[in-house]
PDB file of N, CA and C in Angstrom:
ATOM      1  N   UNK A   1      -5.159 -16.302  15.752  1.00  0.00           N
ATOM      2  CA  UNK A   1      -4.646 -15.085  15.237  1.00  0.00           C
ATOM      3  C   UNK A   1      -3.134 -15.102  15.065  1.00  0.00           C
ATOM      4  N   UNK A   2      -2.635 -14.601  13.999  1.00  0.00           N
ATOM      5  CA  UNK A   2      -1.241 -14.526  13.744  1.00  0.00           C
ATOM      6  C   UNK A   2      -0.664 -13.239  14.256  1.00  0.00           C
ATOM      7  N   UNK A   3      -0.099 -13.239  15.453  1.00  0.00           N
ATOM      8  CA  UNK A   3       0.441 -12.039  16.105  1.00  0.00           C
ATOM      9  C   UNK A   3       1.781 -11.641  15.572  1.00  0.00           C
ATOM     10  N   UNK A   4       2.304 -12.428  14.609  1.00  0.00           N
ATOM     11  CA  UNK A   4       3.553 -12.054  13.930  1.00  0.00           C
ATOM     12  C   UNK A   4       3.332 -11.024  12.835  1.00  0.00           C
ATOM     13  N   UNK A   5       2.064 -10.861  12.371  1.00  0.00           N
ATOM     14  CA  UNK A   5       1.751  -9.918  11.351  1.00  0.00           C
ATOM     15  C   UNK A   5       1.286  -8.590  12.011  1.00  0.00           C
ATOM     16  N   UNK A   6       2.100  -7.616  12.025  1.00  0.00           N
ATOM     17  CA  UNK A   6       1.838  -6.303  12.674  1.00  0.00           C
ATOM     18  C   UNK A   6       1.073  -5.391  11.691  1.00  0.00           C
ATOM     19  N   UNK A   7       0.085  -4.690  12.180  1.00  0.00           N
ATOM     20  CA  UNK A   7      -0.626  -3.692  11.448  1.00  0.00           C
ATOM     21  C   UNK A   7       0.029  -2.360  11.773  1.00  0.00           C
ATOM     22  N   UNK A   8       0.879  -1.851  10.888  1.00  0.00           N
ATOM     23  CA  UNK A   8       1.621  -0.660  11.166  1.00  0.00           C
ATOM     24  C   UNK A   8       0.789   0.600  11.167  1.00  0.00           C
ATOM     25  N   UNK A   9      -0.509   0.484  10.920  1.00  0.00           N
ATOM     26  CA  UNK A   9      -1.395   1.627  11.040  1.00  0.00           C
ATOM     27  C   UNK A   9      -1.939   1.759  12.451  1.00  0.00           C
ATOM     28  N   UNK A  10      -1.719   0.730  13.296  1.00  0.00           N
ATOM     29  CA  UNK A  10      -2.255   0.726  14.625  1.00  0.00           C
ATOM     30  C   UNK A  10      -1.083   0.483  15.636  1.00  0.00           C
ATOM     31  N   UNK A  11      -0.575   1.586  16.177  1.00  0.00           N
ATOM     32  CA  UNK A  11       0.453   1.432  17.151  1.00  0.00           C
ATOM     33  C   UNK A  11      -0.126   1.032  18.475  1.00  0.00           C
ATOM     34  N   UNK A  12       0.536   0.227  19.254  1.00  0.00           N
ATOM     35  CA  UNK A  12       0.018  -0.282  20.521  1.00  0.00           C
ATOM     36  C   UNK A  12       1.198  -0.660  21.408  1.00  0.00           C
ATOM     37  N   UNK A  13       1.126  -0.284  22.707  1.00  0.00           N
ATOM     38  CA  UNK A  13       2.155  -0.592  23.710  1.00  0.00           C
ATOM     39  C   UNK A  13       1.578  -1.529  24.780  1.00  0.00           C
ATOM     40  N   UNK A  14       0.396  -2.020  24.659  1.00  0.00           N
ATOM     41  CA  UNK A  14      -0.252  -2.818  25.651  1.00  0.00           C
ATOM     42  C   UNK A  14       0.109  -4.304  25.450  1.00  0.00           C
ATOM     43  N   UNK A  15       1.194  -4.701  26.068  1.00  0.00           N
ATOM     44  CA  UNK A  15       1.662  -6.059  25.882  1.00  0.00           C
ATOM     45  C   UNK A  15       0.787  -7.110  26.502  1.00  0.00           C
ATOM     46  N   UNK A  16      -0.100  -6.729  27.450  1.00  0.00           N
ATOM     47  CA  UNK A  16      -1.062  -7.652  28.055  1.00  0.00           C
ATOM     48  C   UNK A  16      -2.203  -8.022  27.186  1.00  0.00           C
ATOM     49  N   UNK A  17      -2.324  -7.394  26.018  1.00  0.00           N
ATOM     50  CA  UNK A  17      -3.469  -7.670  25.104  1.00  0.00           C
ATOM     51  C   UNK A  17      -3.102  -8.846  24.145  1.00  0.00           C
ATOM     52  N   UNK A  18      -4.065  -9.708  23.975  1.00  0.00           N
ATOM     53  CA  UNK A  18      -3.851 -10.870  23.151  1.00  0.00           C
ATOM     54  C   UNK A  18      -3.640 -10.480  21.691  1.00  0.00           C
ATOM     55  N   UNK A  19      -4.069  -9.261  21.300  1.00  0.00           N
ATOM     56  CA  UNK A  19      -3.883  -8.779  19.964  1.00  0.00           C
ATOM     57  C   UNK A  19      -2.580  -8.016  19.705  1.00  0.00           C
ATOM     58  N   UNK A  20      -1.750  -7.848  20.692  1.00  0.00           N
ATOM     59  CA  UNK A  20      -0.495  -7.130  20.608  1.00  0.00           C
ATOM     60  C   UNK A  20       0.449  -7.918  19.693  1.00  0.00           C
ATOM     61  N   UNK A  21       1.133  -7.274  18.819  1.00  0.00           N
ATOM     62  CA  UNK A  21       2.096  -7.909  17.908  1.00  0.00           C
ATOM     63  C   UNK A  21       3.239  -8.443  18.756  1.00  0.00           C
ATOM     64  N   UNK A  22       3.686  -9.665  18.414  1.00  0.00           N
ATOM     65  CA  UNK A  22       4.711 -10.323  19.177  1.00  0.00           C
ATOM     66  C   UNK A  22       6.063  -9.615  19.294  1.00  0.00           C
ATOM     67  N   UNK A  23       6.460  -8.938  18.216  1.00  0.00           N
ATOM     68  CA  UNK A  23       7.854  -8.418  18.160  1.00  0.00           C
ATOM     69  C   UNK A  23       7.944  -6.897  17.964  1.00  0.00           C
ATOM     70  N   UNK A  24       6.834  -6.170  18.061  1.00  0.00           N
ATOM     71  CA  UNK A  24       6.905  -4.744  17.855  1.00  0.00           C
ATOM     72  C   UNK A  24       5.688  -4.095  18.539  1.00  0.00           C
ATOM     73  N   UNK A  25       5.722  -2.747  18.669  1.00  0.00           N
ATOM     74  CA  UNK A  25       4.675  -2.029  19.315  1.00  0.00           C
ATOM     75  C   UNK A  25       3.551  -1.661  18.397  1.00  0.00           C
ATOM     76  N   UNK A  26       2.890  -2.691  17.892  1.00  0.00           N
ATOM     77  CA  UNK A  26       1.767  -2.569  16.995  1.00  0.00           C
ATOM     78  C   UNK A  26       0.687  -3.565  17.345  1.00  0.00           C
ATOM     79  N   UNK A  27      -0.499  -3.366  16.794  1.00  0.00           N
ATOM     80  CA  UNK A  27      -1.618  -4.303  16.962  1.00  0.00           C
ATOM     81  C   UNK A  27      -1.575  -5.286  15.743  1.00  0.00           C
ATOM     82  N   UNK A  28      -2.027  -6.475  16.010  1.00  0.00           N
ATOM     83  CA  UNK A  28      -2.062  -7.471  14.936  1.00  0.00           C
ATOM     84  C   UNK A  28      -3.384  -7.544  14.258  1.00  0.00           C
ATOM     85  N   UNK A  29      -4.392  -6.786  14.733  1.00  0.00           N
ATOM     86  CA  UNK A  29      -5.708  -6.763  14.135  1.00  0.00           C
ATOM     87  C   UNK A  29      -5.739  -5.916  12.865  1.00  0.00           C
ATOM     88  N   UNK A  30      -6.717  -6.210  11.951  1.00  0.00           N
ATOM     89  CA  UNK A  30      -6.869  -5.410  10.813  1.00  0.00           C
ATOM     90  C   UNK A  30      -7.472  -3.998  11.117  1.00  0.00           C
ATOM     91  N   UNK A  31      -8.321  -3.991  12.158  1.00  0.00           N
ATOM     92  CA  UNK A  31      -9.016  -2.755  12.615  1.00  0.00           C
ATOM     93  C   UNK A  31      -9.351  -2.928  14.107  1.00  0.00           C
ATOM     94  N   UNK A  32      -9.518  -1.859  14.813  1.00  0.00           N
ATOM     95  CA  UNK A  32      -9.880  -1.832  16.193  1.00  0.00           C
ATOM     96  C   UNK A  32     -11.106  -0.982  16.392  1.00  0.00           C
ATOM     97  N   UNK A  33     -11.749  -1.103  17.510  1.00  0.00           N
ATOM     98  CA  UNK A  33     -12.879  -0.239  17.939  1.00  0.00           C
ATOM     99  C   UNK A  33     -12.414   0.564  19.138  1.00  0.00           C
ATOM    100  N   UNK A  34     -12.579   1.859  19.057  1.00  0.00           N
ATOM    101  CA  UNK A  34     -12.228   2.767  20.127  1.00  0.00           C
ATOM    102  C   UNK A  34     -13.534   3.319  20.680  1.00  0.00           C
ATOM    103  N   UNK A  35     -13.682   3.328  22.002  1.00  0.00           N
ATOM    104  CA  UNK A  35     -14.888   3.817  22.632  1.00  0.00           C
ATOM    105  C   UNK A  35     -14.500   4.634  23.851  1.00  0.00           C
ATOM    106  N   UNK A  36     -15.521   4.927  24.645  1.00  0.00           N
ATOM    107  CA  UNK A  36     -15.322   5.699  25.896  1.00  0.00           C
ATOM    108  C   UNK A  36     -16.143   5.164  27.024  1.00  0.00           C
ATOM    109  N   UNK A  37     -15.675   5.377  28.236  1.00  0.00           N
ATOM    110  CA  UNK A  37     -16.412   4.993  29.382  1.00  0.00           C
ATOM    111  C   UNK A  37     -17.061   6.204  30.096  1.00  0.00           C
ATOM    112  N   UNK A  38     -16.969   7.384  29.461  1.00  0.00           N
ATOM    113  CA  UNK A  38     -17.415   8.652  29.966  1.00  0.00           C
ATOM    114  C   UNK A  38     -18.594   9.129  29.155  1.00  0.00           C
ATOM    115  N   UNK A  39     -19.456   9.929  29.789  1.00  0.00           N
ATOM    116  CA  UNK A  39     -20.628  10.510  29.117  1.00  0.00           C
ATOM    117  C   UNK A  39     -20.088  11.604  28.182  1.00  0.00           C
ATOM    118  N   UNK A  40     -19.161  12.350  28.650  1.00  0.00           N
ATOM    119  CA  UNK A  40     -18.622  13.462  27.850  1.00  0.00           C
ATOM    120  C   UNK A  40     -17.123  13.494  28.012  1.00  0.00           C
ATOM    121  N   UNK A  41     -16.405  12.699  27.185  1.00  0.00           N
ATOM    122  CA  UNK A  41     -14.943  12.592  27.307  1.00  0.00           C
ATOM    123  C   UNK A  41     -14.262  13.960  27.029  1.00  0.00           C
ATOM    124  N   UNK A  42     -13.240  14.208  27.823  1.00  0.00           N
ATOM    125  CA  UNK A  42     -12.512  15.460  27.678  1.00  0.00           C
ATOM    126  C   UNK A  42     -10.993  15.307  27.488  1.00  0.00           C
ATOM    127  N   UNK A  43     -10.476  14.095  27.922  1.00  0.00           N
ATOM    128  CA  UNK A  43      -9.027  13.836  27.799  1.00  0.00           C
ATOM    129  C   UNK A  43      -8.847  12.388  27.294  1.00  0.00           C
ATOM    130  N   UNK A  44      -7.679  12.124  26.834  1.00  0.00           N
ATOM    131  CA  UNK A  44      -7.385  10.776  26.230  1.00  0.00           C
ATOM    132  C   UNK A  44      -7.646   9.610  27.199  1.00  0.00           C
ATOM    133  N   UNK A  45      -7.465   9.833  28.520  1.00  0.00           N
ATOM    134  CA  UNK A  45      -7.670   8.825  29.459  1.00  0.00           C
ATOM    135  C   UNK A  45      -9.131   8.346  29.543  1.00  0.00           C
ATOM    136  N   UNK A  46      -9.997   9.106  28.914  1.00  0.00           N
ATOM    137  CA  UNK A  46     -11.450   8.743  28.850  1.00  0.00           C
ATOM    138  C   UNK A  46     -11.759   7.769  27.794  1.00  0.00           C
ATOM    139  N   UNK A  47     -10.799   7.456  26.915  1.00  0.00           N
ATOM    140  CA  UNK A  47     -11.070   6.569  25.770  1.00  0.00           C
ATOM    141  C   UNK A  47     -10.501   5.184  26.054  1.00  0.00           C
ATOM    142  N   UNK A  48     -11.098   4.152  25.432  1.00  0.00           N
ATOM    143  CA  UNK A  48     -10.668   2.804  25.628  1.00  0.00           C
ATOM    144  C   UNK A  48     -10.613   2.053  24.273  1.00  0.00           C
ATOM    145  N   UNK A  49      -9.731   1.073  24.217  1.00  0.00           N
ATOM    146  CA  UNK A  49      -9.677   0.196  23.029  1.00  0.00           C
ATOM    147  C   UNK A  49     -10.696  -0.954  23.346  1.00  0.00           C
ATOM    148  N   UNK A  50     -11.794  -0.918  22.649  1.00  0.00           N
ATOM    149  CA  UNK A  50     -12.861  -1.921  22.859  1.00  0.00           C
ATOM    150  C   UNK A  50     -12.485  -3.283  22.236  1.00  0.00           C
ATOM    151  N   UNK A  51     -11.370  -3.300  21.522  1.00  0.00           N
ATOM    152  CA  UNK A  51     -10.893  -4.528  20.921  1.00  0.00           C
ATOM    153  C   UNK A  51      -9.951  -5.300  21.819  1.00  0.00           C
ATOM    154  N   UNK A  52      -9.660  -4.720  22.999  1.00  0.00           N
ATOM    155  CA  UNK A  52      -8.711  -5.328  23.973  1.00  0.00           C
ATOM    156  C   UNK A  52      -9.233  -6.658  24.417  1.00  0.00           C
ATOM    157  N   UNK A  53      -8.374  -7.661  24.363  1.00  0.00           N
ATOM    158  CA  UNK A  53      -8.676  -8.986  24.942  1.00  0.00           C
ATOM    159  C   UNK A  53      -7.409  -9.359  25.747  1.00  0.00           C
ATOM    160  N   UNK A  54      -7.663  -9.722  27.045  1.00  0.00           N
ATOM    161  CA  UNK A  54      -6.560 -10.049  27.895  1.00  0.00           C
ATOM    162  C   UNK A  54      -5.793 -11.313  27.429  1.00  0.00           C
ATOM    163  N   UNK A  55      -4.469 -11.213  27.397  1.00  0.00           N
ATOM    164  CA  UNK A  55      -3.628 -12.246  27.003  1.00  0.00           C
ATOM    165  C   UNK A  55      -3.616 -13.303  28.068  1.00  0.00           C
ATOM    166  N   UNK A  56      -3.877 -14.527  27.694  1.00  0.00           N
ATOM    167  CA  UNK A  56      -3.914 -15.614  28.603  1.00  0.00           C
ATOM    168  C   UNK A  56      -2.522 -16.201  28.862  1.00  0.00           C
ATOM    169  N   UNK A  57      -2.257 -16.495  30.033  1.00  0.00           N
ATOM    170  CA  UNK A  57      -1.089 -17.274  30.546  1.00  0.00           C
ATOM    171  C   UNK A  57       0.157 -16.568  30.054  1.00  0.00           C
TER     172      UNK A  57
END
């Protein structure tokens, strides 16, 4: 993946993600999947980026 190409439609501040843009607060993916770990989510903390991949090393 080319993390130098930022997708300016997807803002992201999770630097521990392998998809995080190298030089800005954006995602490098073309699209992401957002999901939830709750049965009935009520606040933003109930949602998750299902496209998250932990950055290695």
